Amino acid sequence: MNTNQDSVTLPILGKEYKIVCDLEEQDDLFLCAQQLDAQMRKIRDSGKINGVERIAVMVALNLAHELHQEKRQNQALRQQLDEYLSGLSNKLENVLENP
């Protein structure tokens, strides 16, 4: 095991999972595990889906959908920023060429 890595135990839906990760990533990993646990409990408590595996798949699908939406939004914002910066660059060039 790398010296800047350690194993951490994460409780998710009543079970403990031992994961090896970098020390500087432990806090984020704990937060992610807490969010995963909360989402799995929410789906389980709704009573519509039975079985840990099915609950995990539903949470994974929900997270994948959220990630896809965020990536699409990020791409659109990046394109808008590129267009804005290009426009600023053109204005600067015009000002510098025509004082």
C-alpha atoms as a PDB file:
ATOM      1  CA  MET A   1       0.000   0.000   0.000  1.00  0.00           C
ATOM      2  CA  ASN A   2       1.278   3.476  -0.880  1.00  0.00           C
ATOM      3  CA  THR A   3       2.405   5.509   2.157  1.00  0.00           C
ATOM      4  CA  ASN A   4      -0.050   8.314   1.416  1.00  0.00           C
ATOM      5  CA  GLN A   5      -2.944   5.830   1.193  1.00  0.00           C
ATOM      6  CA  ASP A   6      -4.999   4.288   3.933  1.00  0.00           C
ATOM      7  CA  SER A   7      -8.040   2.063   4.182  1.00  0.00           C
ATOM      8  CA  VAL A   8     -11.287   3.572   5.362  1.00  0.00           C
ATOM      9  CA  THR A   9     -14.526   1.890   6.353  1.00  0.00           C
ATOM     10  CA  LEU A  10     -17.675   3.341   4.830  1.00  0.00           C
ATOM     11  CA  PRO A  11     -21.137   2.427   6.114  1.00  0.00           C
ATOM     12  CA  ILE A  12     -23.664   2.164   3.295  1.00  0.00           C
ATOM     13  CA  LEU A  13     -27.187   0.866   3.847  1.00  0.00           C
ATOM     14  CA  GLY A  14     -26.252  -1.014   7.000  1.00  0.00           C
ATOM     15  CA  LYS A  15     -23.125  -2.670   5.594  1.00  0.00           C
ATOM     16  CA  GLU A  16     -19.525  -1.627   5.933  1.00  0.00           C
ATOM     17  CA  TYR A  17     -17.218  -1.364   2.928  1.00  0.00           C
ATOM     18  CA  LYS A  18     -13.469  -1.127   3.364  1.00  0.00           C
ATOM     19  CA  ILE A  19     -11.844   1.041   0.675  1.00  0.00           C
ATOM     20  CA  VAL A  20      -8.215   2.022   0.107  1.00  0.00           C
ATOM     21  CA  CYS A  21      -7.778   5.618  -0.994  1.00  0.00           C
ATOM     22  CA  ASP A  22      -5.361   8.521  -0.851  1.00  0.00           C
ATOM     23  CA  LEU A  23      -5.371  10.316   2.492  1.00  0.00           C
ATOM     24  CA  GLU A  24      -6.290  13.644   0.880  1.00  0.00           C
ATOM     25  CA  GLU A  25      -9.353  12.050  -0.744  1.00  0.00           C
ATOM     26  CA  GLN A  26     -10.814  10.516   2.414  1.00  0.00           C
ATOM     27  CA  ASP A  27     -13.087  13.433   3.313  1.00  0.00           C
ATOM     28  CA  ASP A  28     -14.612  13.504  -0.175  1.00  0.00           C
ATOM     29  CA  LEU A  29     -15.026   9.742  -0.116  1.00  0.00           C
ATOM     30  CA  PHE A  30     -16.880   9.928   3.213  1.00  0.00           C
ATOM     31  CA  LEU A  31     -19.195  12.635   1.824  1.00  0.00           C
ATOM     32  CA  CYS A  32     -19.882  10.570  -1.284  1.00  0.00           C
ATOM     33  CA  ALA A  33     -20.624   7.508   0.833  1.00  0.00           C
ATOM     34  CA  GLN A  34     -23.023   9.532   2.984  1.00  0.00           C
ATOM     35  CA  GLN A  35     -24.829  10.820  -0.114  1.00  0.00           C
ATOM     36  CA  LEU A  36     -25.005   7.320  -1.573  1.00  0.00           C
ATOM     37  CA  ASP A  37     -26.326   5.936   1.697  1.00  0.00           C
ATOM     38  CA  ALA A  38     -28.974   8.676   1.891  1.00  0.00           C
ATOM     39  CA  GLN A  39     -30.141   8.064  -1.675  1.00  0.00           C
ATOM     40  CA  MET A  40     -30.251   4.303  -1.194  1.00  0.00           C
ATOM     41  CA  ARG A  41     -32.237   4.686   2.035  1.00  0.00           C
ATOM     42  CA  LYS A  42     -34.670   7.060   0.317  1.00  0.00           C
ATOM     43  CA  ILE A  43     -35.343   4.564  -2.462  1.00  0.00           C
ATOM     44  CA  ARG A  44     -35.566   1.650  -0.016  1.00  0.00           C
ATOM     45  CA  ASP A  45     -37.938   3.556   2.265  1.00  0.00           C
ATOM     46  CA  SER A  46     -40.223   4.427  -0.646  1.00  0.00           C
ATOM     47  CA  GLY A  47     -41.129   0.736  -0.709  1.00  0.00           C
ATOM     48  CA  LYS A  48     -41.290   0.647  -4.509  1.00  0.00           C
ATOM     49  CA  ILE A  49     -38.038  -1.252  -5.024  1.00  0.00           C
ATOM     50  CA  ASN A  50     -36.890  -4.311  -3.103  1.00  0.00           C
ATOM     51  CA  GLY A  51     -33.396  -5.707  -2.819  1.00  0.00           C
ATOM     52  CA  VAL A  52     -30.101  -3.969  -2.245  1.00  0.00           C
ATOM     53  CA  GLU A  53     -28.889  -4.735  -5.767  1.00  0.00           C
ATOM     54  CA  ARG A  54     -31.949  -3.173  -7.405  1.00  0.00           C
ATOM     55  CA  ILE A  55     -31.707  -0.153  -5.101  1.00  0.00           C
ATOM     56  CA  ALA A  56     -28.026   0.259  -6.002  1.00  0.00           C
ATOM     57  CA  VAL A  57     -28.835   0.078  -9.727  1.00  0.00           C
ATOM     58  CA  MET A  58     -31.549   2.728  -9.385  1.00  0.00           C
ATOM     59  CA  VAL A  59     -29.202   5.034  -7.474  1.00  0.00           C
ATOM     60  CA  ALA A  60     -26.485   4.430 -10.072  1.00  0.00           C
ATOM     61  CA  LEU A  61     -28.913   5.300 -12.872  1.00  0.00           C
ATOM     62  CA  ASN A  62     -30.004   8.454 -11.058  1.00  0.00           C
ATOM     63  CA  LEU A  63     -26.390   9.515 -10.490  1.00  0.00           C
ATOM     64  CA  ALA A  64     -25.443   8.721 -14.094  1.00  0.00           C
ATOM     65  CA  HIS A  65     -28.374  10.841 -15.299  1.00  0.00           C
ATOM     66  CA  GLU A  66     -27.358  13.744 -13.035  1.00  0.00           C
ATOM     67  CA  LEU A  67     -23.764  13.478 -14.247  1.00  0.00           C
ATOM     68  CA  HIS A  68     -24.892  13.471 -17.877  1.00  0.00           C
ATOM     69  CA  GLN A  69     -27.006  16.584 -17.311  1.00  0.00           C
ATOM     70  CA  GLU A  70     -24.136  18.361 -15.539  1.00  0.00           C
ATOM     71  CA  LYS A  71     -21.724  17.491 -18.356  1.00  0.00           C
ATOM     72  CA  ARG A  72     -24.164  18.806 -20.949  1.00  0.00           C
ATOM     73  CA  GLN A  73     -24.681  22.010 -18.987  1.00  0.00           C
ATOM     74  CA  ASN A  74     -20.936  22.382 -18.485  1.00  0.00           C
ATOM     75  CA  GLN A  75     -20.351  21.943 -22.219  1.00  0.00           C
ATOM     76  CA  ALA A  76     -22.959  24.593 -23.034  1.00  0.00           C
ATOM     77  CA  LEU A  77     -21.442  27.013 -20.506  1.00  0.00           C
ATOM     78  CA  ARG A  78     -17.968  26.350 -21.888  1.00  0.00           C
ATOM     79  CA  GLN A  79     -19.192  27.104 -25.400  1.00  0.00           C
ATOM     80  CA  GLN A  80     -20.835  30.343 -24.216  1.00  0.00           C
ATOM     81  CA  LEU A  81     -17.639  31.341 -22.426  1.00  0.00           C
ATOM     82  CA  ASP A  82     -15.543  30.593 -25.521  1.00  0.00           C
ATOM     83  CA  GLU A  83     -17.862  32.710 -27.659  1.00  0.00           C
ATOM     84  CA  TYR A  84     -17.775  35.549 -25.136  1.00  0.00           C
ATOM     85  CA  LEU A  85     -13.982  35.460 -24.875  1.00  0.00           C
ATOM     86  CA  SER A  86     -13.670  35.350 -28.646  1.00  0.00           C
ATOM     87  CA  GLY A  87     -15.893  38.433 -28.896  1.00  0.00           C
ATOM     88  CA  LEU A  88     -13.784  40.235 -26.285  1.00  0.00           C
ATOM     89  CA  SER A  89     -10.633  39.287 -28.134  1.00  0.00           C
ATOM     90  CA  ASN A  90     -12.067  40.677 -31.389  1.00  0.00           C
ATOM     91  CA  LYS A  91     -13.036  43.929 -29.662  1.00  0.00           C
ATOM     92  CA  LEU A  92      -9.547  44.271 -28.179  1.00  0.00           C
ATOM     93  CA  GLU A  93      -7.951  43.657 -31.551  1.00  0.00           C
ATOM     94  CA  ASN A  94     -10.189  46.294 -33.156  1.00  0.00           C
ATOM     95  CA  VAL A  95      -9.346  48.821 -30.454  1.00  0.00           C
ATOM     96  CA  LEU A  96      -5.628  48.141 -30.728  1.00  0.00           C
ATOM     97  CA  GLU A  97      -5.658  48.256 -34.542  1.00  0.00           C
ATOM     98  CA  ASN A  98      -7.811  51.403 -34.711  1.00  0.00           C
ATOM     99  CA  PRO A  99      -6.766  53.668 -31.819  1.00  0.00           C
END
